[in-house]
């Protein structure tokens, strides 16, 4: 009896265990074979989302000539968990890198994540990428991402255009998914300023992969894919022919040339020397070239047109004259004597030989230092203001209106404000109420603490050419090929100086070029109005400066030229400016011997 009871109990537990196993088996079969949710989950284990980067928008010059286009390169990624066999020497051979470097990258990928792709090598050319993909059946766990780097059909204006480089971890974290490892982003220049327009919007495709991570086919025929949106093609204000010409004139020199269309504020050319071929920072060897450029002498990466700050020299006299005329501390017919220098200050600043006394137009024509020292001193000590400090602040307010001592808001990163001392600056330097016009008399001729960028110099010419206003200098014209082409609007700023006073100053500038200190800028028939400047340089020879515009009526171009260590403004800057003006207005130059001489002459200190 007892044995039979034990047997029945044993059978019972066997039935219980068997039934439980059967229930688990049936439930597992149901989950795997019949549950839609389970099927979807199983499919997701074999589906991957892949980024599709759009082509970056191209850049064209003001005549819509294609300037900057795209060229394909590839970033190679490795996902460690999908790697089944890794022939490092063979892969290094295909990628043209050292096995040691490749092994180092593989180890770094393993440490970062076994399941996430890590960047193995960037900017691989199409031929090398194709060779690698031919071996993909034996080198599992590798994937490629197409990136669009730049190709420059005109290798000029590197400082204007900027360049592309890989996003940083911080930029990835702050982008809210817009950027991932290996993506390129604009650095400096137009590429950075208009990144959002040029970059477009990335897309995604969903693919089925096998257990080794190899792509098999599009998921559900690609119906879930999100196509990328191409970046906008932009038309810039630069004229590539004028830009090429400007850069050729700066060969063997340190300095800058910038030209602006006065009526619109559009920058026609912006040359900084020394410069570099922008193609160096696009392609497989970008890292090597970047390091070389950073270590190169005389800073070729430095944009002198908008960042270098120079004493403006005698062209600053024009601003002083306009302010004094507006404030009625000067009238055009007023004369001041010159005895080879400013008499009231012991002959300082000194001056050169010319007729004396002079009225305003002739003082501009002959660039009389003593005349403008008198204008400046009489302004600061005029009884109307009561105190020199009050007069100085009034003077400084006008200078700010004229775009001196502040950023102009150009649509390019890195613009410097120049330097325009405050009243507090002089109080700290000399003591409160212990300075006057004679203490800072060098400001009367642009040789004091005042610093201006070449962009500000050219913009001052725009204000004078327009008889009292300017449009913010800018490099973007419109979006190419779209009916509503404008994407940015730039302010028009009117200065609080009556237009009648500009006519007097312009007359002096015209005479300076016709038969004065700026005669080396004279070109018959072009009606160039301008002013030379010689900026004292404590580190060597003076800087040669010229700024002007043409024609006198309805001006089409304003230009500023700075040649470091070039001496007198009339020696180098003035003839270079005249060639730029002539080239733009006529399409050619009538002085090939001068062009050749300027191109062949080097002024770089040895």
Protein backbone atom coordinates (compact mmCIF):
# COMPACT_ATOMS: atom_id res chain seq x y z
CA UNK A 1 0.00 0.00 0.00
CA UNK A 2 2.62 2.37 1.07
CA UNK A 3 4.69 1.75 -2.07
CA UNK A 4 1.67 2.40 -4.26
CA UNK A 5 1.02 5.75 -2.52
CA UNK A 6 4.62 6.80 -3.06
CA UNK A 7 4.34 5.91 -6.73
CA UNK A 8 1.15 7.93 -7.11
CA UNK A 9 2.79 10.94 -5.41
CA UNK A 10 5.82 10.70 -7.70
CA UNK A 11 3.66 10.53 -10.81
CA UNK A 12 1.74 13.54 -9.59
CA UNK A 13 4.89 15.69 -9.30
CA UNK A 14 6.13 14.50 -12.63
CA UNK A 15 2.84 15.67 -14.15
CA UNK A 16 3.19 19.01 -12.39
CA UNK A 17 6.74 19.53 -13.62
CA UNK A 18 5.88 18.37 -17.14
CA UNK A 19 2.84 20.62 -17.29
CA UNK A 20 4.86 23.61 -16.12
CA UNK A 21 7.53 22.99 -18.76
CA UNK A 22 4.82 22.59 -21.41
CA UNK A 23 3.27 25.93 -20.42
CA UNK A 24 6.67 27.68 -20.68
CA UNK A 25 7.33 26.08 -24.07
CA UNK A 26 3.94 27.06 -25.42
CA UNK A 27 4.30 30.64 -24.10
CA UNK A 28 7.76 30.92 -25.61
CA UNK A 29 6.46 29.68 -28.95
CA UNK A 30 3.59 32.16 -28.77
CA UNK A 31 5.98 35.05 -28.07
CA UNK A 32 8.36 34.07 -30.82
CA UNK A 33 5.94 32.93 -33.50
CA UNK A 34 2.66 34.72 -33.00
CA UNK A 35 3.21 38.01 -31.05
CA UNK A 36 3.52 41.09 -33.37
CA UNK A 37 5.33 42.99 -30.67
CA UNK A 38 7.87 40.22 -30.31
CA UNK A 39 8.36 40.04 -34.03
CA UNK A 40 9.01 43.79 -34.14
CA UNK A 41 11.47 43.50 -31.28
CA UNK A 42 13.30 40.69 -33.04
CA UNK A 43 13.48 42.77 -36.21
CA UNK A 44 14.86 45.75 -34.31
CA UNK A 45 17.73 43.63 -33.19
CA UNK A 46 18.81 43.47 -36.85
CA UNK A 47 17.90 47.01 -37.93
CA UNK A 48 20.29 49.92 -37.78
CA UNK A 49 19.76 53.59 -38.38
CA UNK A 50 22.45 55.17 -40.53
CA UNK A 51 23.09 58.86 -40.97
CA UNK A 52 23.01 60.31 -44.46
CA UNK A 53 24.85 63.62 -44.57
CA UNK A 54 23.63 66.11 -47.17
CA UNK A 55 25.94 67.88 -49.61
CA UNK A 56 27.00 71.22 -48.18
CA UNK A 57 25.79 74.32 -49.97
CA UNK A 58 28.18 75.70 -52.58
CA UNK A 59 29.57 79.23 -52.72
CA UNK A 60 29.59 81.53 -55.74
CA UNK A 61 31.07 84.96 -56.35
CA UNK A 62 29.06 88.13 -57.07
CA UNK A 63 28.81 87.19 -60.76
CA UNK A 64 27.49 83.72 -59.78
CA UNK A 65 30.66 81.93 -60.84
CA UNK A 66 31.03 78.64 -58.96
CA UNK A 67 33.80 79.10 -56.43
CA UNK A 68 33.55 76.51 -53.65
CA UNK A 69 32.10 73.08 -54.38
CA UNK A 70 32.13 69.69 -52.65
CA UNK A 71 34.34 66.65 -52.97
CA UNK A 72 33.54 63.26 -51.39
CA UNK A 73 35.67 61.70 -48.65
CA UNK A 74 34.83 58.97 -46.16
CA UNK A 75 35.09 58.53 -42.42
CA UNK A 76 35.73 54.92 -41.37
CA UNK A 77 34.06 53.65 -38.19
CA UNK A 78 34.58 50.45 -36.21
CA UNK A 79 32.08 48.70 -33.94
CA UNK A 80 34.17 46.35 -31.73
CA UNK A 81 31.44 43.81 -30.95
CA UNK A 82 30.88 43.21 -34.67
CA UNK A 83 34.54 42.53 -35.40
CA UNK A 84 35.07 38.83 -36.05
CA UNK A 85 38.50 38.89 -37.59
CA UNK A 86 40.86 41.82 -37.76
CA UNK A 87 43.91 41.76 -39.99
CA UNK A 88 45.51 45.00 -38.79
CA UNK A 89 48.52 44.97 -41.18
CA UNK A 90 46.27 44.33 -44.19
CA UNK A 91 43.79 47.01 -43.18
CA UNK A 92 46.61 49.48 -42.53
CA UNK A 93 47.88 48.77 -46.03
CA UNK A 94 44.52 49.60 -47.59
CA UNK A 95 44.12 52.75 -45.46
CA UNK A 96 47.72 53.87 -45.99
CA UNK A 97 48.43 54.33 -42.27
CA UNK A 98 50.86 52.65 -39.91
CA UNK A 99 49.71 49.42 -38.23
CA UNK A 100 50.71 50.89 -34.85
CA UNK A 101 48.40 53.88 -35.30
CA UNK A 102 45.57 51.65 -36.45
CA UNK A 103 46.00 49.32 -33.48
CA UNK A 104 45.97 52.31 -31.15
CA UNK A 105 42.66 53.49 -32.64
CA UNK A 106 41.15 50.01 -32.33
CA UNK A 107 42.11 49.81 -28.66
CA UNK A 108 40.64 53.25 -28.04
CA UNK A 109 37.39 52.12 -29.67
CA UNK A 110 37.25 49.08 -27.39
CA UNK A 111 37.71 51.27 -24.35
CA UNK A 112 35.04 53.74 -25.50
CA UNK A 113 32.27 51.23 -26.27
CA UNK A 114 31.95 47.66 -27.51
CA UNK A 115 28.54 48.33 -29.06
CA UNK A 116 28.79 51.86 -30.46
CA UNK A 117 30.69 52.86 -33.60
CA UNK A 118 33.95 54.75 -33.03
CA UNK A 119 35.78 56.86 -35.59
CA UNK A 120 38.74 54.86 -36.86
CA UNK A 121 40.07 57.11 -39.62
CA UNK A 122 38.84 60.34 -41.15
CA UNK A 123 38.93 61.81 -44.65
CA UNK A 124 39.69 58.66 -46.62
CA UNK A 125 39.69 59.18 -50.38
CA UNK A 126 37.26 57.35 -52.63
CA UNK A 127 39.91 55.01 -54.16
CA UNK A 128 41.19 53.95 -50.74
CA UNK A 129 37.67 53.54 -49.41
CA UNK A 130 36.75 51.36 -52.41
CA UNK A 131 39.80 49.15 -51.80
CA UNK A 132 38.77 48.69 -48.18
CA UNK A 133 35.17 47.85 -49.08
CA UNK A 134 36.40 45.13 -51.43
CA UNK A 135 37.77 43.41 -48.32
CA UNK A 136 34.66 43.96 -46.24
CA UNK A 137 33.71 40.27 -46.36
CA UNK A 138 36.80 39.46 -44.33
CA UNK A 139 37.06 42.68 -42.27
CA UNK A 140 33.73 42.76 -40.44
CA UNK A 141 32.67 45.51 -38.04
CA UNK A 142 33.78 48.35 -40.31
CA UNK A 143 31.47 50.96 -41.83
CA UNK A 144 31.95 54.09 -43.87
CA UNK A 145 30.25 57.50 -43.76
CA UNK A 146 30.32 59.86 -46.71
CA UNK A 147 31.38 63.41 -45.80
CA UNK A 148 31.45 66.35 -48.15
CA UNK A 149 34.64 68.39 -47.91
CA UNK A 150 35.46 71.47 -49.88
CA UNK A 151 37.07 71.97 -53.26
CA UNK A 152 38.14 75.51 -54.15
CA UNK A 153 38.00 76.25 -57.87
CA UNK A 154 39.61 79.62 -57.14
CA UNK A 155 42.22 79.08 -54.39
CA UNK A 156 41.83 82.59 -52.94
CA UNK A 157 40.26 84.49 -50.03
CA UNK A 158 41.00 81.80 -47.47
CA UNK A 159 40.40 84.28 -44.64
CA UNK A 160 36.97 85.16 -45.99
CA UNK A 161 35.80 81.63 -46.69
CA UNK A 162 36.97 79.87 -43.53
CA UNK A 163 37.25 76.09 -43.47
CA UNK A 164 35.61 72.91 -42.17
CA UNK A 165 36.72 70.66 -39.34
CA UNK A 166 35.32 67.88 -37.21
CA UNK A 167 32.87 68.72 -34.44
CA UNK A 168 34.15 68.57 -30.88
CA UNK A 169 32.56 66.45 -28.12
CA UNK A 170 31.19 69.64 -26.57
CA UNK A 171 29.58 70.71 -29.83
CA UNK A 172 28.02 67.27 -30.18
CA UNK A 173 26.61 67.47 -26.65
CA UNK A 174 25.18 70.96 -27.22
CA UNK A 175 23.73 70.25 -30.68
CA UNK A 176 20.74 68.19 -29.45
CA UNK A 177 21.40 65.50 -32.02
CA UNK A 178 22.23 67.77 -34.94
CA UNK A 179 25.87 66.61 -34.96
CA UNK A 180 27.52 63.28 -34.23
CA UNK A 181 31.13 62.07 -34.21
CA UNK A 182 32.86 62.63 -37.52
CA UNK A 183 30.51 65.38 -38.76
CA UNK A 184 32.07 68.54 -40.16
CA UNK A 185 31.24 72.08 -39.08
CA UNK A 186 32.22 75.50 -40.38
CA UNK A 187 35.21 77.18 -38.78
CA UNK A 188 35.92 80.87 -39.30
CA UNK A 189 34.75 83.03 -42.17
CA UNK A 190 31.63 82.44 -44.22
CA UNK A 191 31.63 78.71 -43.38
CA UNK A 192 31.14 79.51 -39.71
CA UNK A 193 28.90 82.57 -40.10
CA UNK A 194 26.37 80.77 -42.31
CA UNK A 195 26.76 77.23 -40.98
CA UNK A 196 23.01 76.76 -40.55
CA UNK A 197 22.32 77.69 -44.17
CA UNK A 198 25.21 75.78 -45.68
CA UNK A 199 24.99 72.57 -43.63
CA UNK A 200 21.47 71.54 -44.63
CA UNK A 201 19.72 68.82 -42.63
CA UNK A 202 20.96 65.25 -42.29
CA UNK A 203 18.79 62.28 -43.24
CA UNK A 204 18.57 58.67 -42.08
CA UNK A 205 18.20 55.27 -43.70
CA UNK A 206 17.24 52.06 -41.94
CA UNK A 207 19.00 48.86 -42.98
CA UNK A 208 18.90 45.20 -41.98
CA UNK A 209 22.25 43.76 -40.93
CA UNK A 210 23.34 40.22 -40.16
CA UNK A 211 24.83 38.93 -36.93
CA UNK A 212 28.25 40.16 -38.04
CA UNK A 213 26.97 43.71 -38.57
CA UNK A 214 27.10 43.48 -42.34
CA UNK A 215 24.45 45.42 -44.23
CA UNK A 216 21.97 43.16 -46.02
CA UNK A 217 19.13 45.25 -47.47
CA UNK A 218 16.95 48.31 -46.76
CA UNK A 219 14.42 47.82 -43.99
CA UNK A 220 10.93 47.37 -45.47
CA UNK A 221 12.10 48.61 -48.83
CA UNK A 222 13.29 51.95 -47.44
CA UNK A 223 9.82 53.37 -46.74
CA UNK A 224 10.94 54.60 -43.32
CA UNK A 225 14.02 56.40 -44.64
CA UNK A 226 14.29 60.17 -44.09
CA UNK A 227 16.00 61.91 -47.01
CA UNK A 228 18.63 64.59 -46.27
CA UNK A 229 18.03 68.23 -47.16
CA UNK A 230 20.83 69.82 -49.16
CA UNK A 231 22.48 72.98 -47.86
CA UNK A 232 21.72 76.31 -49.50
CA UNK A 233 23.97 77.60 -52.26
CA UNK A 234 25.10 81.13 -51.42
CA UNK A 235 26.21 83.98 -53.64
CA UNK A 236 28.90 86.13 -52.05
CA UNK A 237 29.69 89.79 -52.70
CA UNK A 238 33.34 89.09 -53.59
CA UNK A 239 34.45 89.45 -57.20
CA UNK A 240 36.91 86.59 -57.70
CA UNK A 241 38.86 88.41 -60.42
CA UNK A 242 39.31 91.48 -58.23
CA UNK A 243 40.20 89.26 -55.29
CA UNK A 244 42.83 87.42 -57.33
CA UNK A 245 44.28 90.74 -58.47
CA UNK A 246 44.38 92.15 -54.93
CA UNK A 247 46.15 89.08 -53.56
CA UNK A 248 48.70 89.19 -56.38
CA UNK A 249 49.57 92.81 -55.49
CA UNK A 250 50.24 91.78 -51.89
CA UNK A 251 52.76 89.10 -52.85
CA UNK A 252 55.93 89.56 -50.83
CA UNK A 253 54.21 92.02 -48.51
CA UNK A 254 52.42 92.01 -45.16
CA UNK A 255 49.15 93.89 -45.06
CA UNK A 256 45.60 94.03 -46.28
CA UNK A 257 43.36 95.35 -49.05
CA UNK A 258 39.61 95.70 -48.64
CA UNK A 259 37.17 97.22 -51.12
CA UNK A 260 33.46 97.92 -50.57
CA UNK A 261 30.60 99.07 -52.79
CA UNK A 262 29.51 102.23 -50.91
CA UNK A 263 25.81 102.17 -51.84
CA UNK A 264 25.24 98.58 -50.66
CA UNK A 265 28.00 97.78 -48.15
CA UNK A 266 28.93 94.71 -50.19
CA UNK A 267 32.60 93.74 -49.83
CA UNK A 268 34.13 93.47 -53.30
CA UNK A 269 37.48 92.05 -52.19
CA UNK A 270 39.19 91.36 -48.90
CA UNK A 271 42.82 90.32 -49.12
CA UNK A 272 45.11 89.58 -46.19
CA UNK A 273 48.78 88.80 -46.61
CA UNK A 274 50.41 86.43 -46.00
CA UNK A 275 47.66 84.03 -46.91
CA UNK A 276 47.36 80.34 -47.86
CA UNK A 277 45.65 78.08 -50.36
CA UNK A 278 42.28 77.09 -48.79
CA UNK A 279 42.62 73.65 -50.39
CA UNK A 280 45.28 72.91 -47.76
CA UNK A 281 42.56 72.72 -45.11
CA UNK A 282 40.34 70.40 -47.11
CA UNK A 283 41.26 66.80 -47.77
CA UNK A 284 43.14 63.87 -46.35
CA UNK A 285 46.13 65.85 -45.04
CA UNK A 286 44.20 68.66 -43.34
CA UNK A 287 45.72 67.89 -39.92
CA UNK A 288 49.29 68.12 -41.18
CA UNK A 289 48.63 71.34 -43.08
CA UNK A 290 46.84 72.92 -40.12
CA UNK A 291 49.82 72.31 -37.85
CA UNK A 292 52.20 73.76 -40.42
CA UNK A 293 50.08 76.89 -40.89
CA UNK A 294 49.83 77.43 -37.15
CA UNK A 295 53.61 77.35 -36.83
CA UNK A 296 54.32 79.38 -39.98
CA UNK A 297 55.99 82.79 -39.55
CA UNK A 298 53.96 86.00 -39.89
CA UNK A 299 50.70 84.21 -39.05
CA UNK A 300 49.05 83.34 -42.38
CA UNK A 301 45.88 82.29 -40.52
CA UNK A 302 45.48 85.87 -39.20
CA UNK A 303 42.91 87.96 -41.09
CA UNK A 304 44.53 91.39 -41.17
CA UNK A 305 41.64 92.96 -43.09
CA UNK A 306 39.29 92.75 -40.09
CA UNK A 307 41.57 91.89 -37.16
CA UNK A 308 44.79 93.88 -37.49
CA UNK A 309 44.61 97.29 -35.79
CA UNK A 310 46.83 100.10 -37.09
CA UNK A 311 47.25 103.81 -36.35
CA UNK A 312 45.31 105.30 -39.28
CA UNK A 313 47.75 108.13 -39.89
CA UNK A 314 46.65 111.15 -41.90
CA UNK A 315 43.40 109.71 -43.22
CA UNK A 316 42.13 110.27 -39.66
CA UNK A 317 42.34 114.01 -40.40
CA UNK A 318 39.20 113.63 -42.52
CA UNK A 319 37.17 112.46 -39.52
CA UNK A 320 38.53 115.31 -37.38
CA UNK A 321 37.60 117.83 -40.05
CA UNK A 322 34.02 116.53 -40.38
CA UNK A 323 33.43 116.69 -36.61
CA UNK A 324 34.81 120.22 -36.30
CA UNK A 325 32.72 121.40 -39.26
CA UNK A 326 29.54 119.92 -37.79
CA UNK A 327 30.22 121.47 -34.38
CA UNK A 328 31.04 124.85 -36.00
CA UNK A 329 34.49 125.05 -34.41
CA UNK A 330 35.83 125.09 -37.98
CA UNK A 331 34.64 126.75 -41.17
CA UNK A 332 36.09 125.76 -44.56
CA UNK A 333 37.65 129.15 -45.24
CA UNK A 334 39.46 129.31 -41.89
CA UNK A 335 43.25 129.27 -42.30
CA UNK A 336 46.02 128.09 -39.99
CA UNK A 337 49.76 128.60 -40.41
CA UNK A 338 52.40 125.90 -40.62
CA UNK A 339 56.05 126.41 -39.79
CA UNK A 340 57.15 122.86 -40.65
CA UNK A 341 55.15 121.87 -37.57
CA UNK A 342 52.56 122.96 -35.01
CA UNK A 343 53.89 126.23 -33.57
CA UNK A 344 51.82 126.16 -30.35
CA UNK A 345 53.40 122.88 -29.33
CA UNK A 346 57.04 123.55 -30.14
CA UNK A 347 56.79 122.30 -33.72
CA UNK A 348 55.15 118.99 -32.83
CA UNK A 349 53.72 117.28 -34.74
CA UNK A 350 56.24 118.12 -37.40
CA UNK A 351 55.18 118.74 -40.99
CA UNK A 352 56.67 118.81 -44.48
CA UNK A 353 57.19 121.71 -46.85
CA UNK A 354 54.07 123.15 -48.52
CA UNK A 355 52.35 126.53 -48.94
CA UNK A 356 51.23 128.29 -45.74
CA UNK A 357 48.78 129.33 -44.38
CA UNK A 358 46.16 126.89 -45.67
CA UNK A 359 42.37 126.61 -45.62
CA UNK A 360 40.62 123.24 -45.24
CA UNK A 361 40.61 121.97 -48.84
CA UNK A 362 44.28 122.80 -49.32
CA UNK A 363 45.15 121.36 -45.89
CA UNK A 364 43.64 118.03 -46.97
CA UNK A 365 45.37 118.29 -50.36
CA UNK A 366 48.80 118.80 -48.77
CA UNK A 367 48.07 116.82 -45.57
CA UNK A 368 49.21 119.59 -43.24
CA UNK A 369 49.84 118.26 -39.74
CA UNK A 370 49.94 121.72 -38.16
CA UNK A 371 46.54 122.65 -39.61
CA UNK A 372 44.80 119.61 -38.16
CA UNK A 373 46.60 119.95 -34.84
CA UNK A 374 45.08 123.45 -34.66
CA UNK A 375 41.63 122.11 -35.58
CA UNK A 376 41.80 119.42 -32.91
CA UNK A 377 43.15 121.73 -30.20
CA UNK A 378 40.60 124.46 -30.91
CA UNK A 379 37.80 121.91 -30.75
CA UNK A 380 38.81 120.51 -27.35
CA UNK A 381 39.35 123.98 -25.86
CA UNK A 382 36.31 125.66 -27.37
CA UNK A 383 34.41 127.74 -24.77
CA UNK A 384 31.14 126.08 -25.76
CA UNK A 385 32.12 122.87 -23.93
CA UNK A 386 33.57 124.41 -20.79
CA UNK A 387 35.96 121.55 -20.07
CA UNK A 388 38.37 119.61 -22.23
CA UNK A 389 36.93 116.36 -20.88
CA UNK A 390 33.41 117.33 -21.98
CA UNK A 391 34.65 118.30 -25.44
CA UNK A 392 36.58 115.06 -25.72
CA UNK A 393 33.51 112.97 -24.92
CA UNK A 394 31.55 114.89 -27.58
CA UNK A 395 34.37 114.24 -30.07
CA UNK A 396 34.46 110.57 -29.14
CA UNK A 397 30.70 110.18 -29.66
CA UNK A 398 31.09 111.42 -33.22
CA UNK A 399 33.96 109.01 -33.85
CA UNK A 400 31.80 106.11 -32.72
CA UNK A 401 29.12 107.21 -35.22
CA UNK A 402 31.84 107.16 -37.89
CA UNK A 403 32.52 103.51 -37.08
CA UNK A 404 35.79 104.13 -35.24
CA UNK A 405 36.45 102.30 -31.98
CA UNK A 406 33.68 99.75 -32.37
CA UNK A 407 32.76 96.73 -34.45
CA UNK A 408 30.82 97.47 -37.60
CA UNK A 409 28.83 94.23 -37.46
CA UNK A 410 30.28 92.63 -40.59
CA UNK A 411 28.92 89.15 -41.27
CA UNK A 412 32.21 87.39 -40.62
CA UNK A 413 33.54 86.21 -37.25
CA UNK A 414 36.57 87.76 -35.61
CA UNK A 415 36.08 91.44 -36.44
CA UNK A 416 38.07 93.64 -34.06
CA UNK A 417 36.80 97.01 -32.76
CA UNK A 418 40.00 98.98 -33.10
CA UNK A 419 40.76 101.32 -30.21
CA UNK A 420 39.30 104.70 -29.28
CA UNK A 421 40.39 105.81 -25.79
CA UNK A 422 37.77 106.88 -23.29
CA UNK A 423 38.00 109.87 -20.97
CA UNK A 424 38.62 107.40 -18.13
CA UNK A 425 41.54 105.92 -20.07
CA UNK A 426 43.33 109.28 -20.14
CA UNK A 427 42.42 109.96 -16.51
CA UNK A 428 44.20 106.75 -15.57
CA UNK A 429 47.13 107.47 -17.87
CA UNK A 430 47.78 111.11 -16.98
CA UNK A 431 45.65 111.79 -13.90
CA UNK A 432 42.21 113.34 -13.63
CA UNK A 433 42.09 116.88 -15.09
CA UNK A 434 45.82 116.65 -15.84
CA UNK A 435 45.57 116.27 -19.62
CA UNK A 436 44.49 118.53 -22.47
CA UNK A 437 44.64 118.80 -26.25
CA UNK A 438 48.43 119.13 -26.32
CA UNK A 439 48.81 115.99 -24.20
CA UNK A 440 46.98 113.96 -26.83
CA UNK A 441 47.77 116.11 -29.87
CA UNK A 442 48.95 113.07 -31.86
CA UNK A 443 45.28 112.05 -32.16
CA UNK A 444 44.82 115.02 -34.48
CA UNK A 445 46.79 113.24 -37.20
CA UNK A 446 45.98 109.61 -36.39
CA UNK A 447 49.31 108.89 -34.71
CA UNK A 448 48.17 108.73 -31.08
CA UNK A 449 46.41 105.91 -29.31
CA UNK A 450 43.81 105.58 -32.07
CA UNK A 451 43.78 102.19 -33.83
CA UNK A 452 41.64 101.20 -36.80
CA UNK A 453 41.21 98.03 -38.85
CA UNK A 454 41.45 98.20 -42.65
CA UNK A 455 37.72 97.39 -42.70
CA UNK A 456 37.00 100.50 -40.62
CA UNK A 457 39.19 102.59 -42.91
CA UNK A 458 37.29 101.42 -45.98
CA UNK A 459 33.98 101.96 -44.21
CA UNK A 460 34.96 105.55 -43.37
CA UNK A 461 35.47 106.06 -47.10
CA UNK A 462 31.96 104.68 -47.70
CA UNK A 463 30.51 107.22 -45.25
CA UNK A 464 32.28 110.08 -47.04
CA UNK A 465 31.41 108.74 -50.51
CA UNK A 466 27.74 108.43 -49.50
CA UNK A 467 27.78 111.90 -47.95
CA UNK A 468 26.80 110.75 -44.51
CA UNK A 469 25.74 107.10 -44.25
CA UNK A 470 26.92 103.55 -44.65
CA UNK A 471 25.45 100.07 -44.93
CA UNK A 472 26.96 97.45 -42.63
CA UNK A 473 29.81 95.82 -44.56
CA UNK A 474 28.89 92.28 -45.56
CA UNK A 475 30.00 89.35 -47.70
CA UNK A 476 26.66 87.61 -48.42
CA UNK A 477 24.52 88.79 -51.35
CA UNK A 478 21.73 86.22 -51.64
CA UNK A 479 20.76 82.56 -51.95
CA UNK A 480 21.49 81.16 -55.39
CA UNK A 481 18.62 79.99 -57.57
CA UNK A 482 15.73 80.94 -55.26
CA UNK A 483 13.02 83.52 -56.02
CA UNK A 484 13.14 85.05 -52.54
CA UNK A 485 16.89 85.25 -52.38
CA UNK A 486 17.66 87.50 -49.41
CA UNK A 487 18.35 85.72 -46.14
CA UNK A 488 20.07 88.53 -44.22
CA UNK A 489 19.36 92.21 -43.85
CA UNK A 490 22.00 94.76 -43.01
CA UNK A 491 21.37 98.08 -41.33
CA UNK A 492 21.87 101.46 -42.93
CA UNK A 493 23.48 103.83 -40.42
CA UNK A 494 23.32 107.60 -40.91
CA UNK A 495 25.87 109.73 -39.08
CA UNK A 496 24.84 113.06 -37.47
CA UNK A 497 26.88 115.23 -39.85
CA UNK A 498 25.28 117.43 -42.52
CA UNK A 499 25.93 116.34 -46.10
CA UNK A 500 27.24 119.79 -47.06
CA UNK A 501 30.34 119.24 -44.95
CA UNK A 502 31.18 116.04 -46.79
CA UNK A 503 31.35 117.94 -50.06
CA UNK A 504 34.12 120.15 -48.72
CA UNK A 505 36.14 117.18 -47.49
CA UNK A 506 35.60 115.32 -50.77
CA UNK A 507 36.92 118.32 -52.68
CA UNK A 508 40.10 118.19 -50.61
CA UNK A 509 40.43 114.44 -51.22
CA UNK A 510 40.03 114.93 -54.97
CA UNK A 511 42.76 117.59 -55.00
CA UNK A 512 45.02 115.35 -52.89
CA UNK A 513 44.96 112.76 -55.69
CA UNK A 514 45.03 115.25 -58.56
CA UNK A 515 47.96 117.32 -57.28
CA UNK A 516 48.75 116.54 -53.68
CA UNK A 517 50.17 113.92 -51.36
CA UNK A 518 48.07 111.20 -53.01
CA UNK A 519 49.14 111.88 -56.58
CA UNK A 520 50.58 108.37 -56.95
CA UNK A 521 46.95 107.16 -56.89
CA UNK A 522 45.94 109.40 -59.80
CA UNK A 523 44.41 107.72 -62.86
CA UNK A 524 43.13 110.07 -65.58
CA UNK A 525 39.37 109.96 -65.99
CA UNK A 526 38.54 107.95 -62.85
CA UNK A 527 38.03 110.87 -60.44
CA UNK A 528 39.68 109.11 -57.50
CA UNK A 529 39.27 110.85 -54.16
CA UNK A 530 41.60 109.70 -51.41
CA UNK A 531 43.94 110.31 -48.54
CA UNK A 532 47.37 108.91 -47.78
CA UNK A 533 48.50 107.89 -44.32
CA UNK A 534 51.84 107.03 -42.78
CA UNK A 535 51.48 105.05 -39.57
CA UNK A 536 54.40 105.15 -37.17
CA UNK A 537 55.62 101.68 -36.25
CA UNK A 538 57.81 101.21 -33.16
CA UNK A 539 58.98 97.82 -34.47
CA UNK A 540 60.39 98.94 -37.80
CA UNK A 541 59.65 101.02 -40.88
CA UNK A 542 56.37 102.95 -40.97
CA UNK A 543 53.25 101.39 -42.44
CA UNK A 544 52.01 102.71 -45.79
CA UNK A 545 48.26 103.50 -45.83
CA UNK A 546 45.82 104.84 -48.40
CA UNK A 547 42.02 105.02 -48.38
CA UNK A 548 39.73 106.49 -51.02
CA UNK A 549 36.82 106.00 -53.38
CA UNK A 550 35.81 106.57 -57.01
CA UNK A 551 34.31 108.10 -58.96
CA UNK A 552 33.77 111.39 -57.17
CA UNK A 553 30.08 111.45 -58.02
CA UNK A 554 27.98 108.29 -57.65
CA UNK A 555 30.91 106.28 -56.22
CA UNK A 556 31.06 102.59 -57.02
CA UNK A 557 34.05 101.47 -54.97
CA UNK A 558 35.72 102.47 -51.70
CA UNK A 559 39.07 100.95 -50.82
CA UNK A 560 41.62 100.85 -48.02
CA UNK A 561 45.17 99.52 -48.38
CA UNK A 562 47.70 98.88 -45.62
CA UNK A 563 51.24 97.76 -46.46
CA UNK A 564 53.25 97.06 -43.33
CA UNK A 565 56.76 98.55 -43.31
CA UNK A 566 55.95 100.25 -46.62
CA UNK A 567 56.94 103.76 -45.52
CA UNK A 568 55.00 106.75 -46.91
CA UNK A 569 51.38 106.19 -47.85
CA UNK A 570 52.12 107.45 -51.35
CA UNK A 571 54.92 104.95 -51.88
CA UNK A 572 53.01 101.66 -51.91
CA UNK A 573 49.45 101.89 -50.60
CA UNK A 574 48.30 104.68 -52.94
CA UNK A 575 49.43 103.09 -56.24
CA UNK A 576 48.07 99.70 -55.15
CA UNK A 577 44.70 101.29 -54.32
CA UNK A 578 44.60 103.03 -57.70
CA UNK A 579 45.17 99.71 -59.47
CA UNK A 580 42.34 98.09 -57.51
CA UNK A 581 39.99 100.95 -58.38
CA UNK A 582 40.99 100.92 -62.04
CA UNK A 583 40.63 97.16 -62.30
CA UNK A 584 37.14 97.21 -60.83
CA UNK A 585 35.82 100.21 -62.74
CA UNK A 586 37.30 99.41 -66.15
CA UNK A 587 37.99 95.66 -66.01
CA UNK A 588 41.66 96.19 -66.85
CA UNK A 589 44.76 98.19 -65.93
CA UNK A 590 46.63 100.66 -68.12
CA UNK A 591 49.92 100.45 -66.19
CA UNK A 592 51.29 96.92 -66.65
CA UNK A 593 54.79 98.05 -65.70
CA UNK A 594 53.52 99.27 -62.32
CA UNK A 595 51.64 96.01 -61.74
CA UNK A 596 54.74 93.99 -62.52
CA UNK A 597 56.95 96.16 -60.31
CA UNK A 598 54.59 95.88 -57.32
CA UNK A 599 54.22 92.10 -57.72
CA UNK A 600 57.97 91.52 -57.91
CA UNK A 601 58.95 93.74 -54.98
CA UNK A 602 59.17 92.12 -51.56
CA UNK A 603 58.89 94.25 -48.42
CA UNK A 604 58.97 91.44 -45.89
CA UNK A 605 61.81 92.03 -43.42
CA UNK A 606 64.49 89.36 -43.69
